[in-house]
Amino acid sequence: MPAIRYRHNYKAVVMSGSDEHRKGQMIPAYLKDGSLIYYPFGGFVRREVLTYEQYVKLMFIDAFSHSDDGATWEDIGSHKVLGVFMRGEYFVVLSGGKPIMVQ
């Protein structure tokens, strides 16, 4: 299961889709109208399974790891990450097992 490292109150928080004890951790995202809204992190979703979900730009994600043990991290701090809003939560969109970067 992949994991992200999210910057929150000057510390790094590691979150994966399998973290039940981190369920409900709020992360921010920019909507199409430019507003910054916080919702809980829900996990990861493959782009191929998406149909009509609302796309958002996830903020303050510093790094991505292919495994939730965090053995190796890819620095993505200079980019925004594509996400979707589904079932009241934000999900990171993956393509080829990696998050999609947006401007």
N, C-alpha and C. Protein backbone atom coordinates (compact mmCIF):
# COMPACT_ATOMS: atom_id res chain seq x y z
N MET A 1 0.85 -1.17 0.00
CA MET A 1 0.00 0.00 0.00
C MET A 1 0.89 1.24 0.00
N PRO A 2 0.64 2.21 -0.89
CA PRO A 2 1.44 3.43 -0.92
C PRO A 2 1.21 4.30 0.32
N ALA A 3 2.06 5.29 0.49
CA ALA A 3 1.95 6.22 1.61
C ALA A 3 2.38 7.61 1.16
N ILE A 4 1.87 8.63 1.85
CA ILE A 4 2.27 10.00 1.61
C ILE A 4 2.81 10.58 2.92
N ARG A 5 3.70 11.55 2.78
CA ARG A 5 4.18 12.30 3.93
C ARG A 5 3.61 13.71 3.79
N TYR A 6 2.79 14.09 4.75
CA TYR A 6 2.04 15.33 4.72
C TYR A 6 2.59 16.27 5.79
N ARG A 7 2.80 17.53 5.46
CA ARG A 7 3.31 18.53 6.39
C ARG A 7 2.13 19.16 7.13
N HIS A 8 2.12 19.02 8.48
CA HIS A 8 1.02 19.52 9.31
C HIS A 8 1.59 20.13 10.58
N ASN A 9 1.37 21.41 10.79
CA ASN A 9 1.86 22.12 11.99
C ASN A 9 3.35 21.91 12.22
N TYR A 10 4.13 22.11 11.17
CA TYR A 10 5.59 22.04 11.22
C TYR A 10 6.14 20.65 11.54
N LYS A 11 5.35 19.61 11.33
CA LYS A 11 5.86 18.25 11.49
C LYS A 11 5.36 17.41 10.33
N ALA A 12 6.02 16.30 10.10
CA ALA A 12 5.64 15.40 9.00
C ALA A 12 4.76 14.28 9.55
N VAL A 13 3.65 14.05 8.87
CA VAL A 13 2.72 12.98 9.24
C VAL A 13 2.68 12.01 8.07
N VAL A 14 2.93 10.73 8.33
CA VAL A 14 2.88 9.69 7.29
C VAL A 14 1.50 9.07 7.32
N MET A 15 0.85 9.03 6.13
CA MET A 15 -0.49 8.47 6.03
C MET A 15 -0.55 7.49 4.86
N SER A 16 -1.23 6.38 5.08
CA SER A 16 -1.51 5.43 4.00
C SER A 16 -2.98 5.08 4.06
N GLY A 17 -3.48 4.43 3.04
CA GLY A 17 -4.88 4.05 3.01
C GLY A 17 -5.25 3.01 4.04
N SER A 18 -4.26 2.28 4.57
CA SER A 18 -4.54 1.22 5.53
C SER A 18 -4.42 1.69 6.98
N ASP A 19 -4.12 2.97 7.21
CA ASP A 19 -3.96 3.49 8.58
C ASP A 19 -5.31 3.75 9.21
N GLU A 20 -5.81 2.82 9.99
CA GLU A 20 -7.09 3.02 10.68
C GLU A 20 -6.95 4.02 11.82
N HIS A 21 -5.80 4.06 12.49
CA HIS A 21 -5.62 5.00 13.59
C HIS A 21 -5.46 6.43 13.10
N ARG A 22 -5.17 6.64 11.83
CA ARG A 22 -5.06 7.99 11.25
C ARG A 22 -6.32 8.37 10.48
N LYS A 23 -7.33 7.54 10.50
CA LYS A 23 -8.57 7.84 9.78
C LYS A 23 -9.15 9.14 10.30
N GLY A 24 -9.50 10.01 9.42
CA GLY A 24 -10.08 11.28 9.82
C GLY A 24 -9.07 12.41 9.86
N GLN A 25 -7.78 12.15 9.54
CA GLN A 25 -6.77 13.20 9.48
C GLN A 25 -7.12 14.16 8.36
N MET A 26 -7.31 15.43 8.69
CA MET A 26 -7.74 16.42 7.71
C MET A 26 -6.55 16.90 6.88
N ILE A 27 -6.77 16.99 5.55
CA ILE A 27 -5.76 17.54 4.65
C ILE A 27 -6.44 18.58 3.76
N PRO A 28 -5.70 19.60 3.31
CA PRO A 28 -6.29 20.66 2.51
C PRO A 28 -6.19 20.38 1.01
N ALA A 29 -7.13 20.98 0.28
CA ALA A 29 -7.10 20.88 -1.18
C ALA A 29 -7.73 22.14 -1.77
N TYR A 30 -7.19 22.54 -2.92
CA TYR A 30 -7.80 23.63 -3.68
C TYR A 30 -8.86 23.06 -4.60
N LEU A 31 -10.03 23.67 -4.58
CA LEU A 31 -11.10 23.31 -5.50
C LEU A 31 -10.96 24.14 -6.78
N LYS A 32 -11.80 23.86 -7.78
CA LYS A 32 -11.71 24.58 -9.06
C LYS A 32 -11.96 26.08 -8.90
N ASP A 33 -12.78 26.47 -7.92
CA ASP A 33 -13.06 27.89 -7.72
C ASP A 33 -11.98 28.61 -6.92
N GLY A 34 -10.92 27.91 -6.53
CA GLY A 34 -9.80 28.51 -5.82
C GLY A 34 -9.90 28.46 -4.31
N SER A 35 -10.98 27.94 -3.76
CA SER A 35 -11.11 27.88 -2.32
C SER A 35 -10.32 26.70 -1.74
N LEU A 36 -9.77 26.90 -0.56
CA LEU A 36 -8.98 25.87 0.14
C LEU A 36 -9.89 25.22 1.19
N ILE A 37 -10.16 23.93 1.02
CA ILE A 37 -11.10 23.22 1.89
C ILE A 37 -10.41 22.00 2.49
N TYR A 38 -10.65 21.75 3.78
CA TYR A 38 -10.08 20.60 4.48
C TYR A 38 -11.13 19.49 4.59
N TYR A 39 -10.71 18.25 4.25
CA TYR A 39 -11.52 17.05 4.44
C TYR A 39 -10.59 15.91 4.87
N PRO A 40 -11.12 14.84 5.40
CA PRO A 40 -10.27 13.71 5.82
C PRO A 40 -9.58 13.02 4.65
N PHE A 41 -8.40 12.47 4.90
CA PHE A 41 -7.67 11.67 3.91
C PHE A 41 -8.29 10.28 3.87
N GLY A 42 -8.65 9.83 2.66
CA GLY A 42 -9.31 8.53 2.53
C GLY A 42 -8.41 7.43 2.02
N GLY A 43 -7.32 7.78 1.35
CA GLY A 43 -6.42 6.76 0.81
C GLY A 43 -6.05 7.05 -0.63
N PHE A 44 -5.97 6.00 -1.42
CA PHE A 44 -5.50 6.10 -2.80
C PHE A 44 -6.50 5.44 -3.73
N VAL A 45 -6.56 5.94 -4.97
CA VAL A 45 -7.45 5.38 -5.97
C VAL A 45 -6.73 5.44 -7.32
N ARG A 46 -6.93 4.40 -8.13
CA ARG A 46 -6.34 4.38 -9.48
C ARG A 46 -7.17 5.25 -10.42
N ARG A 47 -6.50 5.94 -11.31
CA ARG A 47 -7.19 6.84 -12.24
C ARG A 47 -8.15 6.08 -13.15
N GLU A 48 -7.83 4.84 -13.47
CA GLU A 48 -8.65 4.07 -14.41
C GLU A 48 -10.06 3.80 -13.89
N VAL A 49 -10.27 3.79 -12.59
CA VAL A 49 -11.59 3.46 -12.04
C VAL A 49 -12.46 4.69 -11.81
N LEU A 50 -11.94 5.89 -12.06
CA LEU A 50 -12.69 7.11 -11.83
C LEU A 50 -13.62 7.43 -13.00
N THR A 51 -14.78 7.98 -12.68
CA THR A 51 -15.74 8.36 -13.72
C THR A 51 -16.09 9.84 -13.63
N TYR A 52 -16.91 10.22 -12.67
CA TYR A 52 -17.41 11.60 -12.59
C TYR A 52 -17.09 12.26 -11.26
N GLU A 53 -16.02 11.89 -10.61
CA GLU A 53 -15.68 12.46 -9.32
C GLU A 53 -15.12 13.87 -9.49
N GLN A 54 -15.18 14.64 -8.41
CA GLN A 54 -14.67 16.01 -8.42
C GLN A 54 -13.17 15.98 -8.17
N TYR A 55 -12.40 16.53 -9.11
CA TYR A 55 -10.95 16.59 -8.97
C TYR A 55 -10.54 17.80 -8.14
N VAL A 56 -9.49 17.63 -7.32
CA VAL A 56 -8.96 18.69 -6.48
C VAL A 56 -7.43 18.66 -6.54
N LYS A 57 -6.79 19.74 -6.08
CA LYS A 57 -5.33 19.79 -5.98
C LYS A 57 -4.96 19.68 -4.50
N LEU A 58 -4.37 18.56 -4.11
CA LEU A 58 -4.00 18.33 -2.72
C LEU A 58 -2.75 19.12 -2.37
N MET A 59 -2.73 19.71 -1.19
CA MET A 59 -1.67 20.61 -0.77
C MET A 59 -0.83 20.00 0.35
N PHE A 60 0.40 20.51 0.49
CA PHE A 60 1.32 20.22 1.59
C PHE A 60 1.74 18.76 1.66
N ILE A 61 1.72 18.04 0.54
CA ILE A 61 2.24 16.68 0.50
C ILE A 61 3.70 16.78 0.07
N ASP A 62 4.60 16.36 0.95
CA ASP A 62 6.03 16.50 0.72
C ASP A 62 6.65 15.34 -0.04
N ALA A 63 6.17 14.12 0.22
CA ALA A 63 6.83 12.95 -0.35
C ALA A 63 5.84 11.81 -0.55
N PHE A 64 6.24 10.86 -1.39
CA PHE A 64 5.44 9.69 -1.71
C PHE A 64 6.32 8.46 -1.60
N SER A 65 5.76 7.38 -1.05
CA SER A 65 6.46 6.10 -0.97
C SER A 65 5.58 5.01 -1.54
N HIS A 66 6.19 4.05 -2.21
CA HIS A 66 5.41 2.95 -2.80
C HIS A 66 4.94 1.95 -1.75
N SER A 67 5.55 1.96 -0.57
CA SER A 67 5.13 1.05 0.50
C SER A 67 4.90 1.84 1.78
N ASP A 68 3.97 1.39 2.61
CA ASP A 68 3.63 2.15 3.81
C ASP A 68 4.66 2.05 4.91
N ASP A 69 5.70 1.22 4.74
CA ASP A 69 6.76 1.20 5.74
C ASP A 69 7.73 2.37 5.55
N GLY A 70 7.60 3.11 4.44
CA GLY A 70 8.38 4.31 4.21
C GLY A 70 9.85 4.06 3.97
N ALA A 71 10.18 2.94 3.33
CA ALA A 71 11.59 2.60 3.11
C ALA A 71 12.28 3.64 2.21
N THR A 72 11.68 3.99 1.10
CA THR A 72 12.23 5.00 0.21
C THR A 72 11.15 6.03 -0.11
N TRP A 73 11.53 7.29 -0.07
CA TRP A 73 10.60 8.38 -0.32
C TRP A 73 11.01 9.15 -1.57
N GLU A 74 10.02 9.52 -2.38
CA GLU A 74 10.24 10.39 -3.53
C GLU A 74 9.79 11.79 -3.13
N ASP A 75 10.67 12.77 -3.26
CA ASP A 75 10.35 14.14 -2.90
C ASP A 75 9.44 14.76 -3.96
N ILE A 76 8.26 15.18 -3.55
CA ILE A 76 7.31 15.82 -4.46
C ILE A 76 6.83 17.15 -3.87
N GLY A 77 7.59 17.72 -2.96
CA GLY A 77 7.19 18.93 -2.25
C GLY A 77 6.98 20.15 -3.11
N SER A 78 7.58 20.21 -4.27
CA SER A 78 7.44 21.39 -5.12
C SER A 78 6.23 21.31 -6.04
N HIS A 79 5.43 20.27 -5.94
CA HIS A 79 4.26 20.08 -6.81
C HIS A 79 2.99 19.95 -5.98
N LYS A 80 1.87 20.16 -6.64
CA LYS A 80 0.57 19.82 -6.06
C LYS A 80 0.21 18.43 -6.60
N VAL A 81 -0.55 17.69 -5.83
CA VAL A 81 -0.91 16.32 -6.19
C VAL A 81 -2.38 16.27 -6.57
N LEU A 82 -2.69 15.57 -7.66
CA LEU A 82 -4.07 15.42 -8.09
C LEU A 82 -4.81 14.49 -7.13
N GLY A 83 -5.98 14.92 -6.72
CA GLY A 83 -6.82 14.11 -5.84
C GLY A 83 -8.25 14.17 -6.30
N VAL A 84 -9.09 13.37 -5.69
CA VAL A 84 -10.53 13.40 -5.95
C VAL A 84 -11.27 13.44 -4.62
N PHE A 85 -12.44 14.03 -4.66
CA PHE A 85 -13.32 14.07 -3.50
C PHE A 85 -14.41 13.02 -3.71
N MET A 86 -14.41 11.99 -2.85
CA MET A 86 -15.42 10.92 -2.94
C MET A 86 -15.86 10.55 -1.52
N ARG A 87 -17.14 10.34 -1.34
CA ARG A 87 -17.69 9.85 -0.07
C ARG A 87 -17.22 10.68 1.13
N GLY A 88 -17.06 11.98 0.94
CA GLY A 88 -16.69 12.87 2.03
C GLY A 88 -15.22 12.84 2.42
N GLU A 89 -14.36 12.30 1.54
CA GLU A 89 -12.93 12.20 1.83
C GLU A 89 -12.14 12.54 0.57
N TYR A 90 -10.86 12.94 0.76
CA TYR A 90 -9.94 13.16 -0.34
C TYR A 90 -9.11 11.90 -0.57
N PHE A 91 -8.95 11.53 -1.83
CA PHE A 91 -8.13 10.39 -2.23
C PHE A 91 -7.06 10.87 -3.20
N VAL A 92 -5.85 10.35 -3.07
CA VAL A 92 -4.76 10.64 -3.99
C VAL A 92 -4.96 9.78 -5.24
N VAL A 93 -4.89 10.39 -6.42
CA VAL A 93 -5.08 9.67 -7.68
C VAL A 93 -3.73 9.13 -8.14
N LEU A 94 -3.69 7.82 -8.42
CA LEU A 94 -2.47 7.16 -8.87
C LEU A 94 -2.59 6.77 -10.33
N SER A 95 -1.50 6.92 -11.06
CA SER A 95 -1.40 6.46 -12.44
C SER A 95 -0.09 5.70 -12.55
N GLY A 96 -0.15 4.42 -12.85
CA GLY A 96 1.04 3.61 -12.90
C GLY A 96 1.70 3.44 -11.54
N GLY A 97 0.91 3.51 -10.49
CA GLY A 97 1.43 3.35 -9.13
C GLY A 97 2.05 4.58 -8.52
N LYS A 98 2.00 5.73 -9.23
CA LYS A 98 2.58 6.98 -8.74
C LYS A 98 1.51 8.06 -8.73
N PRO A 99 1.62 9.03 -7.81
CA PRO A 99 0.66 10.13 -7.81
C PRO A 99 0.85 11.04 -9.03
N ILE A 100 -0.21 11.66 -9.46
CA ILE A 100 -0.19 12.55 -10.62
C ILE A 100 0.09 13.97 -10.12
N MET A 101 1.10 14.61 -10.69
CA MET A 101 1.48 15.97 -10.31
C MET A 101 0.74 16.97 -11.20
N VAL A 102 0.29 18.08 -10.58
CA VAL A 102 -0.40 19.14 -11.31
C VAL A 102 0.22 20.47 -10.94
N GLN A 103 -0.07 21.49 -11.73
CA GLN A 103 0.43 22.85 -11.44
C GLN A 103 -0.58 23.68 -10.75
